[in-house]
PDB file of N, CA and C in Angstrom:
ATOM      1  N   MET A   1      47.123 -24.192 -30.745  1.00  0.00           N
ATOM      2  CA  MET A   1      45.669 -24.353 -30.148  1.00  0.00           C
ATOM      3  C   MET A   1      45.432 -22.573 -30.528  1.00  0.00           C
ATOM      4  N   ARG A   2      44.692 -22.510 -31.068  1.00  0.00           N
ATOM      5  CA  ARG A   2      43.979 -21.067 -31.433  1.00  0.00           C
ATOM      6  C   ARG A   2      43.210 -20.413 -29.922  1.00  0.00           C
ATOM      7  N   GLU A   3      43.881 -19.257 -29.899  1.00  0.00           N
ATOM      8  CA  GLU A   3      43.694 -18.466 -28.305  1.00  0.00           C
ATOM      9  C   GLU A   3      42.145 -17.815 -28.589  1.00  0.00           C
ATOM     10  N   GLU A   4      41.280 -17.995 -27.447  1.00  0.00           N
ATOM     11  CA  GLU A   4      40.367 -17.978 -27.539  1.00  0.00           C
ATOM     12  C   GLU A   4      39.811 -16.522 -27.313  1.00  0.00           C
ATOM     13  N   LYS A   5      39.079 -15.869 -28.270  1.00  0.00           N
ATOM     14  CA  LYS A   5      38.788 -14.261 -28.314  1.00  0.00           C
ATOM     15  C   LYS A   5      38.214 -13.786 -26.956  1.00  0.00           C
ATOM     16  N   VAL A   6      38.512 -13.039 -26.596  1.00  0.00           N
ATOM     17  CA  VAL A   6      37.613 -12.144 -25.038  1.00  0.00           C
ATOM     18  C   VAL A   6      37.760 -11.034 -25.228  1.00  0.00           C
ATOM     19  N   LEU A   7      36.008 -10.576 -25.168  1.00  0.00           N
ATOM     20  CA  LEU A   7      36.089  -9.119 -25.128  1.00  0.00           C
ATOM     21  C   LEU A   7      35.568  -8.408 -23.847  1.00  0.00           C
ATOM     22  N   TYR A   8      36.530  -7.671 -23.462  1.00  0.00           N
ATOM     23  CA  TYR A   8      36.811  -6.638 -22.295  1.00  0.00           C
ATOM     24  C   TYR A   8      35.528  -5.487 -22.443  1.00  0.00           C
ATOM     25  N   ASN A   9      35.209  -4.904 -23.691  1.00  0.00           N
ATOM     26  CA  ASN A   9      34.558  -3.907 -23.640  1.00  0.00           C
ATOM     27  C   ASN A   9      34.386  -3.690 -25.017  1.00  0.00           C
ATOM     28  N   ALA A  10      32.423  -3.591 -24.854  1.00  0.00           N
ATOM     29  CA  ALA A  10      32.143  -3.857 -26.420  1.00  0.00           C
ATOM     30  C   ALA A  10      30.358  -2.549 -26.309  1.00  0.00           C
ATOM     31  N   THR A  11      30.006  -2.748 -27.349  1.00  0.00           N
ATOM     32  CA  THR A  11      28.476  -1.793 -27.508  1.00  0.00           C
ATOM     33  C   THR A  11      27.546  -2.838 -28.411  1.00  0.00           C
ATOM     34  N   ALA A  12      26.540  -2.351 -27.957  1.00  0.00           N
ATOM     35  CA  ALA A  12      25.074  -2.726 -28.205  1.00  0.00           C
ATOM     36  C   ALA A  12      24.316  -1.612 -28.782  1.00  0.00           C
ATOM     37  N   CYS A  13      23.554  -1.570 -29.907  1.00  0.00           N
ATOM     38  CA  CYS A  13      22.814  -0.554 -30.525  1.00  0.00           C
ATOM     39  C   CYS A  13      21.139  -1.264 -31.097  1.00  0.00           C
ATOM     40  N   PHE A  14      20.176  -1.071 -30.603  1.00  0.00           N
ATOM     41  CA  PHE A  14      18.722  -1.079 -30.843  1.00  0.00           C
ATOM     42  C   PHE A  14      18.479  -0.174 -31.547  1.00  0.00           C
ATOM     43  N   LEU A  15      17.709  -0.390 -32.670  1.00  0.00           N
ATOM     44  CA  LEU A  15      16.949   0.472 -33.590  1.00  0.00           C
ATOM     45  C   LEU A  15      15.666   0.362 -33.252  1.00  0.00           C
ATOM     46  N   ILE A  16      15.178   1.450 -33.606  1.00  0.00           N
ATOM     47  CA  ILE A  16      13.884   1.681 -32.799  1.00  0.00           C
ATOM     48  C   ILE A  16      12.933   2.423 -34.333  1.00  0.00           C
ATOM     49  N   LYS A  17      12.090   1.432 -34.828  1.00  0.00           N
ATOM     50  CA  LYS A  17      11.266   2.041 -35.764  1.00  0.00           C
ATOM     51  C   LYS A  17       9.701   2.235 -35.495  1.00  0.00           C
ATOM     52  N   GLU A  18       9.029   2.887 -35.215  1.00  0.00           N
ATOM     53  CA  GLU A  18       7.677   3.094 -34.876  1.00  0.00           C
ATOM     54  C   GLU A  18       7.167   2.041 -33.948  1.00  0.00           C
ATOM     55  N   ASN A  19       7.857   2.540 -32.803  1.00  0.00           N
ATOM     56  CA  ASN A  19       7.987   1.984 -31.425  1.00  0.00           C
ATOM     57  C   ASN A  19       8.017   0.542 -31.563  1.00  0.00           C
ATOM     58  N   LYS A  20       8.451  -0.176 -32.309  1.00  0.00           N
ATOM     59  CA  LYS A  20       9.312  -1.657 -32.261  1.00  0.00           C
ATOM     60  C   LYS A  20      10.764  -1.742 -32.283  1.00  0.00           C
ATOM     61  N   ILE A  21      11.377  -2.742 -31.787  1.00  0.00           N
ATOM     62  CA  ILE A  21      12.982  -2.696 -31.669  1.00  0.00           C
ATOM     63  C   ILE A  21      13.257  -3.904 -33.114  1.00  0.00           C
ATOM     64  N   LEU A  22      14.194  -3.155 -33.649  1.00  0.00           N
ATOM     65  CA  LEU A  22      14.962  -3.930 -35.105  1.00  0.00           C
ATOM     66  C   LEU A  22      15.893  -5.030 -34.597  1.00  0.00           C
ATOM     67  N   LEU A  23      15.676  -6.281 -34.460  1.00  0.00           N
ATOM     68  CA  LEU A  23      16.545  -7.205 -34.015  1.00  0.00           C
ATOM     69  C   LEU A  23      17.487  -7.652 -35.094  1.00  0.00           C
ATOM     70  N   GLY A  24      18.591  -7.767 -35.272  1.00  0.00           N
ATOM     71  CA  GLY A  24      19.533  -8.947 -36.329  1.00  0.00           C
ATOM     72  C   GLY A  24      19.655 -10.022 -35.619  1.00  0.00           C
ATOM     73  N   LEU A  25      19.847 -11.333 -36.697  1.00  0.00           N
ATOM     74  CA  LEU A  25      19.802 -12.906 -36.130  1.00  0.00           C
ATOM     75  C   LEU A  25      21.283 -12.761 -36.331  1.00  0.00           C
ATOM     76  N   LYS A  26      21.742 -13.261 -35.417  1.00  0.00           N
ATOM     77  CA  LYS A  26      23.602 -13.763 -35.087  1.00  0.00           C
ATOM     78  C   LYS A  26      23.524 -14.769 -36.017  1.00  0.00           C
ATOM     79  N   THR A  27      24.521 -14.784 -37.152  1.00  0.00           N
ATOM     80  CA  THR A  27      24.512 -16.178 -37.593  1.00  0.00           C
ATOM     81  C   THR A  27      25.649 -16.625 -37.282  1.00  0.00           C
ATOM     82  N   GLN A  28      26.771 -15.959 -36.470  1.00  0.00           N
ATOM     83  CA  GLN A  28      28.422 -16.941 -36.175  1.00  0.00           C
ATOM     84  C   GLN A  28      28.332 -16.144 -34.651  1.00  0.00           C
ATOM     85  N   LYS A  29      29.377 -16.855 -34.582  1.00  0.00           N
ATOM     86  CA  LYS A  29      30.125 -16.308 -33.321  1.00  0.00           C
ATOM     87  C   LYS A  29      29.577 -16.123 -32.041  1.00  0.00           C
ATOM     88  N   ILE A  30      29.805 -15.339 -31.326  1.00  0.00           N
ATOM     89  CA  ILE A  30      29.272 -14.925 -29.626  1.00  0.00           C
ATOM     90  C   ILE A  30      27.463 -15.007 -30.267  1.00  0.00           C
ATOM     91  N   GLY A  31      26.628 -15.551 -29.474  1.00  0.00           N
ATOM     92  CA  GLY A  31      25.079 -15.267 -29.821  1.00  0.00           C
ATOM     93  C   GLY A  31      24.708 -15.860 -30.808  1.00  0.00           C
ATOM     94  N   GLU A  32      25.390 -16.800 -31.869  1.00  0.00           N
ATOM     95  CA  GLU A  32      24.901 -17.742 -32.484  1.00  0.00           C
ATOM     96  C   GLU A  32      23.278 -18.281 -33.049  1.00  0.00           C
ATOM     97  N   ASN A  33      22.718 -17.883 -33.653  1.00  0.00           N
ATOM     98  CA  ASN A  33      21.046 -18.104 -33.666  1.00  0.00           C
ATOM     99  C   ASN A  33      20.391 -17.295 -33.107  1.00  0.00           C
ATOM    100  N   CYS A  34      20.599 -16.458 -32.294  1.00  0.00           N
ATOM    101  CA  CYS A  34      19.929 -15.340 -31.661  1.00  0.00           C
ATOM    102  C   CYS A  34      19.475 -14.289 -32.150  1.00  0.00           C
ATOM    103  N   TRP A  35      18.332 -13.663 -31.922  1.00  0.00           N
ATOM    104  CA  TRP A  35      18.420 -12.297 -32.037  1.00  0.00           C
ATOM    105  C   TRP A  35      18.770 -11.171 -31.153  1.00  0.00           C
ATOM    106  N   ASN A  36      19.334 -10.231 -31.761  1.00  0.00           N
ATOM    107  CA  ASN A  36      20.240  -9.337 -30.990  1.00  0.00           C
ATOM    108  C   ASN A  36      20.072  -7.886 -31.344  1.00  0.00           C
ATOM    109  N   GLY A  37      20.784  -6.925 -30.828  1.00  0.00           N
ATOM    110  CA  GLY A  37      20.861  -5.937 -30.955  1.00  0.00           C
ATOM    111  C   GLY A  37      22.365  -5.758 -32.336  1.00  0.00           C
ATOM    112  N   TYR A  38      22.612  -4.648 -32.676  1.00  0.00           N
ATOM    113  CA  TYR A  38      24.336  -4.779 -33.169  1.00  0.00           C
ATOM    114  C   TYR A  38      24.845  -3.995 -32.460  1.00  0.00           C
ATOM    115  N   GLY A  39      26.474  -4.546 -32.724  1.00  0.00           N
ATOM    116  CA  GLY A  39      27.573  -4.322 -32.141  1.00  0.00           C
ATOM    117  C   GLY A  39      28.529  -5.161 -31.944  1.00  0.00           C
ATOM    118  N   GLY A  40      29.529  -4.856 -31.082  1.00  0.00           N
ATOM    119  CA  GLY A  40      30.832  -5.490 -31.037  1.00  0.00           C
ATOM    120  C   GLY A  40      31.419  -4.649 -30.157  1.00  0.00           C
ATOM    121  N   GLY A  41      32.890  -5.109 -30.699  1.00  0.00           N
ATOM    122  CA  GLY A  41      34.200  -4.520 -29.601  1.00  0.00           C
ATOM    123  C   GLY A  41      34.808  -3.418 -29.843  1.00  0.00           C
ATOM    124  N   ILE A  42      34.883  -2.811 -28.715  1.00  0.00           N
ATOM    125  CA  ILE A  42      36.107  -1.322 -28.839  1.00  0.00           C
ATOM    126  C   ILE A  42      37.377  -1.808 -29.244  1.00  0.00           C
ATOM    127  N   LYS A  43      37.567  -1.085 -30.477  1.00  0.00           N
ATOM    128  CA  LYS A  43      38.968  -1.185 -30.700  1.00  0.00           C
ATOM    129  C   LYS A  43      39.711  -0.154 -29.483  1.00  0.00           C
ATOM    130  N   LYS A  44      41.163  -0.620 -29.089  1.00  0.00           N
ATOM    131  CA  LYS A  44      41.860   0.615 -28.905  1.00  0.00           C
ATOM    132  C   LYS A  44      42.019   2.033 -29.555  1.00  0.00           C
ATOM    133  N   GLY A  45      42.013   2.742 -28.845  1.00  0.00           N
ATOM    134  CA  GLY A  45      41.720   4.105 -28.833  1.00  0.00           C
ATOM    135  C   GLY A  45      40.422   4.790 -29.638  1.00  0.00           C
ATOM    136  N   GLU A  46      39.093   3.922 -29.297  1.00  0.00           N
ATOM    137  CA  GLU A  46      37.813   4.289 -29.937  1.00  0.00           C
ATOM    138  C   GLU A  46      37.178   4.799 -28.503  1.00  0.00           C
ATOM    139  N   ILE A  47      36.089   5.556 -28.702  1.00  0.00           N
ATOM    140  CA  ILE A  47      35.499   5.846 -27.259  1.00  0.00           C
ATOM    141  C   ILE A  47      34.301   4.933 -27.530  1.00  0.00           C
ATOM    142  N   PRO A  48      33.355   4.256 -26.724  1.00  0.00           N
ATOM    143  CA  PRO A  48      32.039   3.394 -27.004  1.00  0.00           C
ATOM    144  C   PRO A  48      31.229   4.045 -28.069  1.00  0.00           C
ATOM    145  N   ILE A  49      30.989   5.269 -28.259  1.00  0.00           N
ATOM    146  CA  ILE A  49      29.652   5.833 -28.969  1.00  0.00           C
ATOM    147  C   ILE A  49      30.896   5.344 -30.814  1.00  0.00           C
ATOM    148  N   GLU A  50      32.195   6.131 -30.816  1.00  0.00           N
ATOM    149  CA  GLU A  50      32.529   5.321 -31.942  1.00  0.00           C
ATOM    150  C   GLU A  50      32.522   4.116 -32.231  1.00  0.00           C
ATOM    151  N   ALA A  51      32.854   3.486 -31.381  1.00  0.00           N
ATOM    152  CA  ALA A  51      32.656   1.885 -31.819  1.00  0.00           C
ATOM    153  C   ALA A  51      31.371   1.313 -31.990  1.00  0.00           C
ATOM    154  N   ALA A  52      30.329   1.999 -31.499  1.00  0.00           N
ATOM    155  CA  ALA A  52      28.698   1.627 -31.626  1.00  0.00           C
ATOM    156  C   ALA A  52      28.461   2.219 -33.344  1.00  0.00           C
ATOM    157  N   LEU A  53      29.015   3.144 -33.263  1.00  0.00           N
ATOM    158  CA  LEU A  53      28.390   3.741 -35.198  1.00  0.00           C
ATOM    159  C   LEU A  53      29.323   2.892 -36.092  1.00  0.00           C
ATOM    160  N   ARG A  54      30.549   2.286 -35.421  1.00  0.00           N
ATOM    161  CA  ARG A  54      31.196   1.747 -36.426  1.00  0.00           C
ATOM    162  C   ARG A  54      30.917   0.397 -36.529  1.00  0.00           C
ATOM    163  N   GLU A  55      30.304  -0.216 -35.499  1.00  0.00           N
ATOM    164  CA  GLU A  55      29.948  -1.434 -35.433  1.00  0.00           C
ATOM    165  C   GLU A  55      28.664  -1.701 -36.209  1.00  0.00           C
ATOM    166  N   LEU A  56      27.473  -0.694 -35.973  1.00  0.00           N
ATOM    167  CA  LEU A  56      26.292  -0.507 -36.223  1.00  0.00           C
ATOM    168  C   LEU A  56      26.473  -0.486 -38.223  1.00  0.00           C
ATOM    169  N   LYS A  57      27.026   0.053 -38.287  1.00  0.00           N
ATOM    170  CA  LYS A  57      27.701   0.102 -40.134  1.00  0.00           C
ATOM    171  C   LYS A  57      28.019  -1.090 -40.873  1.00  0.00           C
ATOM    172  N   GLU A  58      28.898  -1.494 -39.952  1.00  0.00           N
ATOM    173  CA  GLU A  58      29.781  -2.608 -40.074  1.00  0.00           C
ATOM    174  C   GLU A  58      28.853  -3.954 -40.161  1.00  0.00           C
ATOM    175  N   GLU A  59      27.722  -4.275 -39.235  1.00  0.00           N
ATOM    176  CA  GLU A  59      27.259  -5.405 -39.046  1.00  0.00           C
ATOM    177  C   GLU A  59      25.428  -5.136 -39.793  1.00  0.00           C
ATOM    178  N   THR A  60      25.175  -4.031 -40.195  1.00  0.00           N
ATOM    179  CA  THR A  60      24.216  -4.165 -40.914  1.00  0.00           C
ATOM    180  C   THR A  60      24.461  -3.753 -42.681  1.00  0.00           C
ATOM    181  N   GLU A  61      25.828  -3.621 -42.803  1.00  0.00           N
ATOM    182  CA  GLU A  61      26.188  -3.182 -44.359  1.00  0.00           C
ATOM    183  C   GLU A  61      25.740  -2.273 -44.595  1.00  0.00           C
ATOM    184  N   GLY A  62      25.217  -0.599 -44.139  1.00  0.00           N
ATOM    185  CA  GLY A  62      24.527   0.297 -44.660  1.00  0.00           C
ATOM    186  C   GLY A  62      24.360   1.201 -43.744  1.00  0.00           C
ATOM    187  N   ILE A  63      23.696   0.628 -42.752  1.00  0.00           N
ATOM    188  CA  ILE A  63      23.261   1.999 -42.011  1.00  0.00           C
ATOM    189  C   ILE A  63      24.102   2.533 -41.651  1.00  0.00           C
ATOM    190  N   VAL A  64      23.855   4.272 -41.742  1.00  0.00           N
ATOM    191  CA  VAL A  64      24.464   5.218 -40.890  1.00  0.00           C
ATOM    192  C   VAL A  64      24.217   6.066 -39.843  1.00  0.00           C
ATOM    193  N   ALA A  65      24.551   6.066 -38.899  1.00  0.00           N
ATOM    194  CA  ALA A  65      24.410   6.734 -37.674  1.00  0.00           C
ATOM    195  C   ALA A  65      24.982   7.977 -36.916  1.00  0.00           C
ATOM    196  N   PHE A  66      24.710   9.151 -36.860  1.00  0.00           N
ATOM    197  CA  PHE A  66      25.690   9.742 -36.332  1.00  0.00           C
ATOM    198  C   PHE A  66      25.670   9.763 -34.472  1.00  0.00           C
ATOM    199  N   PRO A  67      25.945  10.341 -33.795  1.00  0.00           N
ATOM    200  CA  PRO A  67      26.310  10.420 -32.608  1.00  0.00           C
ATOM    201  C   PRO A  67      24.951  11.058 -31.762  1.00  0.00           C
ATOM    202  N   GLU A  68      24.593  12.549 -32.505  1.00  0.00           N
ATOM    203  CA  GLU A  68      23.183  12.882 -31.952  1.00  0.00           C
ATOM    204  C   GLU A  68      21.874  12.022 -32.288  1.00  0.00           C
ATOM    205  N   TYR A  69      22.092  10.806 -32.928  1.00  0.00           N
ATOM    206  CA  TYR A  69      20.906   9.740 -33.120  1.00  0.00           C
ATOM    207  C   TYR A  69      21.153   8.561 -31.932  1.00  0.00           C
ATOM    208  N   LEU A  70      21.948   8.763 -31.725  1.00  0.00           N
ATOM    209  CA  LEU A  70      22.126   7.592 -30.163  1.00  0.00           C
ATOM    210  C   LEU A  70      22.200   7.895 -29.026  1.00  0.00           C
ATOM    211  N   LYS A  71      21.221   7.691 -28.095  1.00  0.00           N
ATOM    212  CA  LYS A  71      21.066   7.553 -26.709  1.00  0.00           C
ATOM    213  C   LYS A  71      21.564   6.630 -25.789  1.00  0.00           C
ATOM    214  N   LYS A  72      22.334   6.949 -24.896  1.00  0.00           N
ATOM    215  CA  LYS A  72      23.123   5.734 -23.858  1.00  0.00           C
ATOM    216  C   LYS A  72      21.606   5.356 -23.377  1.00  0.00           C
ATOM    217  N   ILE A  73      21.571   3.987 -22.614  1.00  0.00           N
ATOM    218  CA  ILE A  73      20.518   3.797 -22.221  1.00  0.00           C
ATOM    219  C   ILE A  73      21.497   3.245 -20.824  1.00  0.00           C
ATOM    220  N   ALA A  74      22.357   2.357 -20.783  1.00  0.00           N
ATOM    221  CA  ALA A  74      23.018   1.410 -19.754  1.00  0.00           C
ATOM    222  C   ALA A  74      24.331   1.022 -20.202  1.00  0.00           C
ATOM    223  N   ILE A  75      24.828   0.591 -19.049  1.00  0.00           N
ATOM    224  CA  ILE A  75      26.477   0.173 -19.301  1.00  0.00           C
ATOM    225  C   ILE A  75      26.112  -0.661 -18.371  1.00  0.00           C
ATOM    226  N   VAL A  76      26.294  -2.214 -18.848  1.00  0.00           N
ATOM    227  CA  VAL A  76      26.067  -3.628 -18.365  1.00  0.00           C
ATOM    228  C   VAL A  76      27.403  -4.458 -18.240  1.00  0.00           C
ATOM    229  N   ASP A  77      27.692  -4.723 -16.927  1.00  0.00           N
ATOM    230  CA  ASP A  77      29.174  -5.894 -16.893  1.00  0.00           C
ATOM    231  C   ASP A  77      28.325  -7.221 -16.787  1.00  0.00           C
ATOM    232  N   PHE A  78      29.075  -8.047 -17.843  1.00  0.00           N
ATOM    233  CA  PHE A  78      28.551  -9.327 -18.178  1.00  0.00           C
ATOM    234  C   PHE A  78      29.799  -9.950 -17.482  1.00  0.00           C
ATOM    235  N   HIS A  79      29.413 -10.870 -16.959  1.00  0.00           N
ATOM    236  CA  HIS A  79      30.337 -11.924 -16.185  1.00  0.00           C
ATOM    237  C   HIS A  79      30.663 -13.152 -16.937  1.00  0.00           C
ATOM    238  N   ASN A  80      31.434 -13.290 -17.549  1.00  0.00           N
ATOM    239  CA  ASN A  80      31.537 -14.581 -18.475  1.00  0.00           C
ATOM    240  C   ASN A  80      32.388 -15.633 -17.969  1.00  0.00           C
ATOM    241  N   ILE A  81      32.200 -16.821 -18.490  1.00  0.00           N
ATOM    242  CA  ILE A  81      33.418 -17.688 -18.460  1.00  0.00           C
ATOM    243  C   ILE A  81      34.197 -18.070 -19.418  1.00  0.00           C
ATOM    244  N   LYS A  82      35.604 -18.632 -19.665  1.00  0.00           N
ATOM    245  CA  LYS A  82      36.069 -19.063 -20.703  1.00  0.00           C
ATOM    246  C   LYS A  82      35.779 -20.559 -20.903  1.00  0.00           C
ATOM    247  N   SER A  83      36.236 -20.972 -21.860  1.00  0.00           N
ATOM    248  CA  SER A  83      36.313 -22.292 -22.260  1.00  0.00           C
ATOM    249  C   SER A  83      37.193 -23.207 -20.921  1.00  0.00           C
ATOM    250  N   ASP A  84      38.004 -22.540 -20.959  1.00  0.00           N
ATOM    251  CA  ASP A  84      39.365 -23.161 -19.401  1.00  0.00           C
ATOM    252  C   ASP A  84      38.959 -22.856 -18.001  1.00  0.00           C
ATOM    253  N   GLY A  85      37.295 -22.140 -17.904  1.00  0.00           N
ATOM    254  CA  GLY A  85      37.415 -21.849 -16.702  1.00  0.00           C
ATOM    255  C   GLY A  85      37.350 -20.503 -16.234  1.00  0.00           C
ATOM    256  N   GLU A  86      38.319 -19.679 -16.783  1.00  0.00           N
ATOM    257  CA  GLU A  86      38.797 -18.401 -16.322  1.00  0.00           C
ATOM    258  C   GLU A  86      37.581 -17.588 -16.602  1.00  0.00           C
ATOM    259  N   THR A  87      37.189 -16.474 -15.615  1.00  0.00           N
ATOM    260  CA  THR A  87      36.083 -15.958 -15.918  1.00  0.00           C
ATOM    261  C   THR A  87      37.025 -14.445 -15.949  1.00  0.00           C
ATOM    262  N   PHE A  88      35.809 -13.757 -16.738  1.00  0.00           N
ATOM    263  CA  PHE A  88      36.183 -12.347 -17.364  1.00  0.00           C
ATOM    264  C   PHE A  88      34.744 -11.515 -17.092  1.00  0.00           C
ATOM    265  N   VAL A  89      35.042 -10.042 -16.975  1.00  0.00           N
ATOM    266  CA  VAL A  89      33.932  -9.588 -16.898  1.00  0.00           C
ATOM    267  C   VAL A  89      34.270  -8.604 -18.608  1.00  0.00           C
ATOM    268  N   CYS A  90      33.010  -8.557 -19.187  1.00  0.00           N
ATOM    269  CA  CYS A  90      32.682  -7.160 -20.529  1.00  0.00           C
ATOM    270  C   CYS A  90      31.528  -6.554 -20.415  1.00  0.00           C
ATOM    271  N   LYS A  91      32.422  -5.330 -20.126  1.00  0.00           N
ATOM    272  CA  LYS A  91      31.441  -3.633 -19.944  1.00  0.00           C
ATOM    273  C   LYS A  91      30.895  -3.721 -21.167  1.00  0.00           C
ATOM    274  N   VAL A  92      29.811  -3.651 -21.116  1.00  0.00           N
ATOM    275  CA  VAL A  92      28.958  -3.045 -22.780  1.00  0.00           C
ATOM    276  C   VAL A  92      27.549  -2.212 -22.518  1.00  0.00           C
ATOM    277  N   HIS A  93      28.288  -1.370 -23.423  1.00  0.00           N
ATOM    278  CA  HIS A  93      27.358   0.246 -23.446  1.00  0.00           C
ATOM    279  C   HIS A  93      26.207  -0.042 -24.211  1.00  0.00           C
ATOM    280  N   PHE A  94      25.218   0.192 -23.930  1.00  0.00           N
ATOM    281  CA  PHE A  94      23.883   0.009 -24.892  1.00  0.00           C
ATOM    282  C   PHE A  94      23.364   1.340 -25.168  1.00  0.00           C
ATOM    283  N   TYR A  95      22.860   1.384 -26.693  1.00  0.00           N
ATOM    284  CA  TYR A  95      22.567   2.691 -26.972  1.00  0.00           C
ATOM    285  C   TYR A  95      21.016   2.480 -27.611  1.00  0.00           C
ATOM    286  N   LEU A  96      19.955   3.451 -27.981  1.00  0.00           N
ATOM    287  CA  LEU A  96      18.795   3.296 -28.310  1.00  0.00           C
ATOM    288  C   LEU A  96      19.101   4.373 -29.538  1.00  0.00           C
ATOM    289  N   VAL A  97      19.188   3.729 -30.793  1.00  0.00           N
ATOM    290  CA  VAL A  97      19.037   4.558 -32.111  1.00  0.00           C
ATOM    291  C   VAL A  97      17.419   4.382 -32.820  1.00  0.00           C
ATOM    292  N   ARG A  98      17.458   5.948 -32.585  1.00  0.00           N
ATOM    293  CA  ARG A  98      15.736   6.179 -33.230  1.00  0.00           C
ATOM    294  C   ARG A  98      16.173   6.443 -34.470  1.00  0.00           C
ATOM    295  N   GLN A  99      17.000   7.141 -35.382  1.00  0.00           N
ATOM    296  CA  GLN A  99      17.085   7.741 -36.809  1.00  0.00           C
ATOM    297  C   GLN A  99      18.470   7.276 -37.150  1.00  0.00           C
ATOM    298  N   TRP A 100      18.187   6.962 -38.661  1.00  0.00           N
ATOM    299  CA  TRP A 100      19.732   6.517 -39.084  1.00  0.00           C
ATOM    300  C   TRP A 100      19.285   6.875 -40.704  1.00  0.00           C
ATOM    301  N   GLU A 101      20.256   6.684 -41.591  1.00  0.00           N
ATOM    302  CA  GLU A 101      20.220   6.493 -42.891  1.00  0.00           C
ATOM    303  C   GLU A 101      20.500   5.258 -43.495  1.00  0.00           C
ATOM    304  N   GLY A 102      20.258   4.771 -44.481  1.00  0.00           N
ATOM    305  CA  GLY A 102      20.141   3.289 -45.068  1.00  0.00           C
ATOM    306  C   GLY A 102      19.290   2.302 -44.676  1.00  0.00           C
ATOM    307  N   GLU A 103      19.489   1.123 -45.185  1.00  0.00           N
ATOM    308  CA  GLU A 103      18.825  -0.060 -44.770  1.00  0.00           C
ATOM    309  C   GLU A 103      19.757  -0.747 -44.393  1.00  0.00           C
ATOM    310  N   ALA A 104      19.248  -2.008 -43.445  1.00  0.00           N
ATOM    311  CA  ALA A 104      20.015  -3.092 -43.205  1.00  0.00           C
ATOM    312  C   ALA A 104      20.191  -4.016 -44.415  1.00  0.00           C
ATOM    313  N   GLN A 105      21.615  -4.460 -44.159  1.00  0.00           N
ATOM    314  CA  GLN A 105      21.611  -5.835 -45.334  1.00  0.00           C
ATOM    315  C   GLN A 105      22.365  -7.007 -44.292  1.00  0.00           C
ATOM    316  N   GLU A 106      22.194  -8.366 -44.818  1.00  0.00           N
ATOM    317  CA  GLU A 106      22.365  -9.174 -44.196  1.00  0.00           C
ATOM    318  C   GLU A 106      23.954  -9.361 -44.389  1.00  0.00           C
ATOM    319  N   ASP A 107      24.870  -9.190 -43.193  1.00  0.00           N
ATOM    320  CA  ASP A 107      26.209  -9.569 -43.008  1.00  0.00           C
ATOM    321  C   ASP A 107      26.471 -11.052 -42.617  1.00  0.00           C
ATOM    322  N   GLU A 108      26.950 -11.689 -43.344  1.00  0.00           N
ATOM    323  CA  GLU A 108      27.865 -12.925 -43.303  1.00  0.00           C
ATOM    324  C   GLU A 108      29.059 -13.080 -41.962  1.00  0.00           C
ATOM    325  N   GLY A 109      29.386 -11.784 -41.330  1.00  0.00           N
ATOM    326  CA  GLY A 109      30.553 -11.975 -40.109  1.00  0.00           C
ATOM    327  C   GLY A 109      29.881 -11.587 -39.077  1.00  0.00           C
ATOM    328  N   ALA A 110      28.334 -11.289 -38.930  1.00  0.00           N
ATOM    329  CA  ALA A 110      27.596 -10.768 -37.948  1.00  0.00           C
ATOM    330  C   ALA A 110      27.292 -11.992 -36.954  1.00  0.00           C
TER     331      ALA A 110
END
C-alpha cells in the first residue's frame, strides 16, 4: 500500500492584479476542482519565502517573483485527518504578491 502524503509545512501565494485576486483551478491532489492560490510544501532546508517563490514558479509554469514582491499576511495551522484517522497539523504561510514577471500557464501537476 502506498503511504499517504502528509504536508507539515506549506505556502500559499495570492496574486493581486487591479485589486482582484487571481486564483488557479487545482486539477489534482489536495483541493482538486477547487480555486486556490499557488503554493505547496516547504522542502527540507528551505525557508517559507523560498518555498513560496519556487512553488509559484512551478505551479504557474512561468511567473517569477522576488522576495521584495511578497508580503506575508498570515500563518495558519490546519488540523487535518489522514485516511486512517490519524490527525496532523499543517502550518501554511500565506503571501500576497502584487508584482511579478511572466504570465501563468496551466500546470498539469498542480
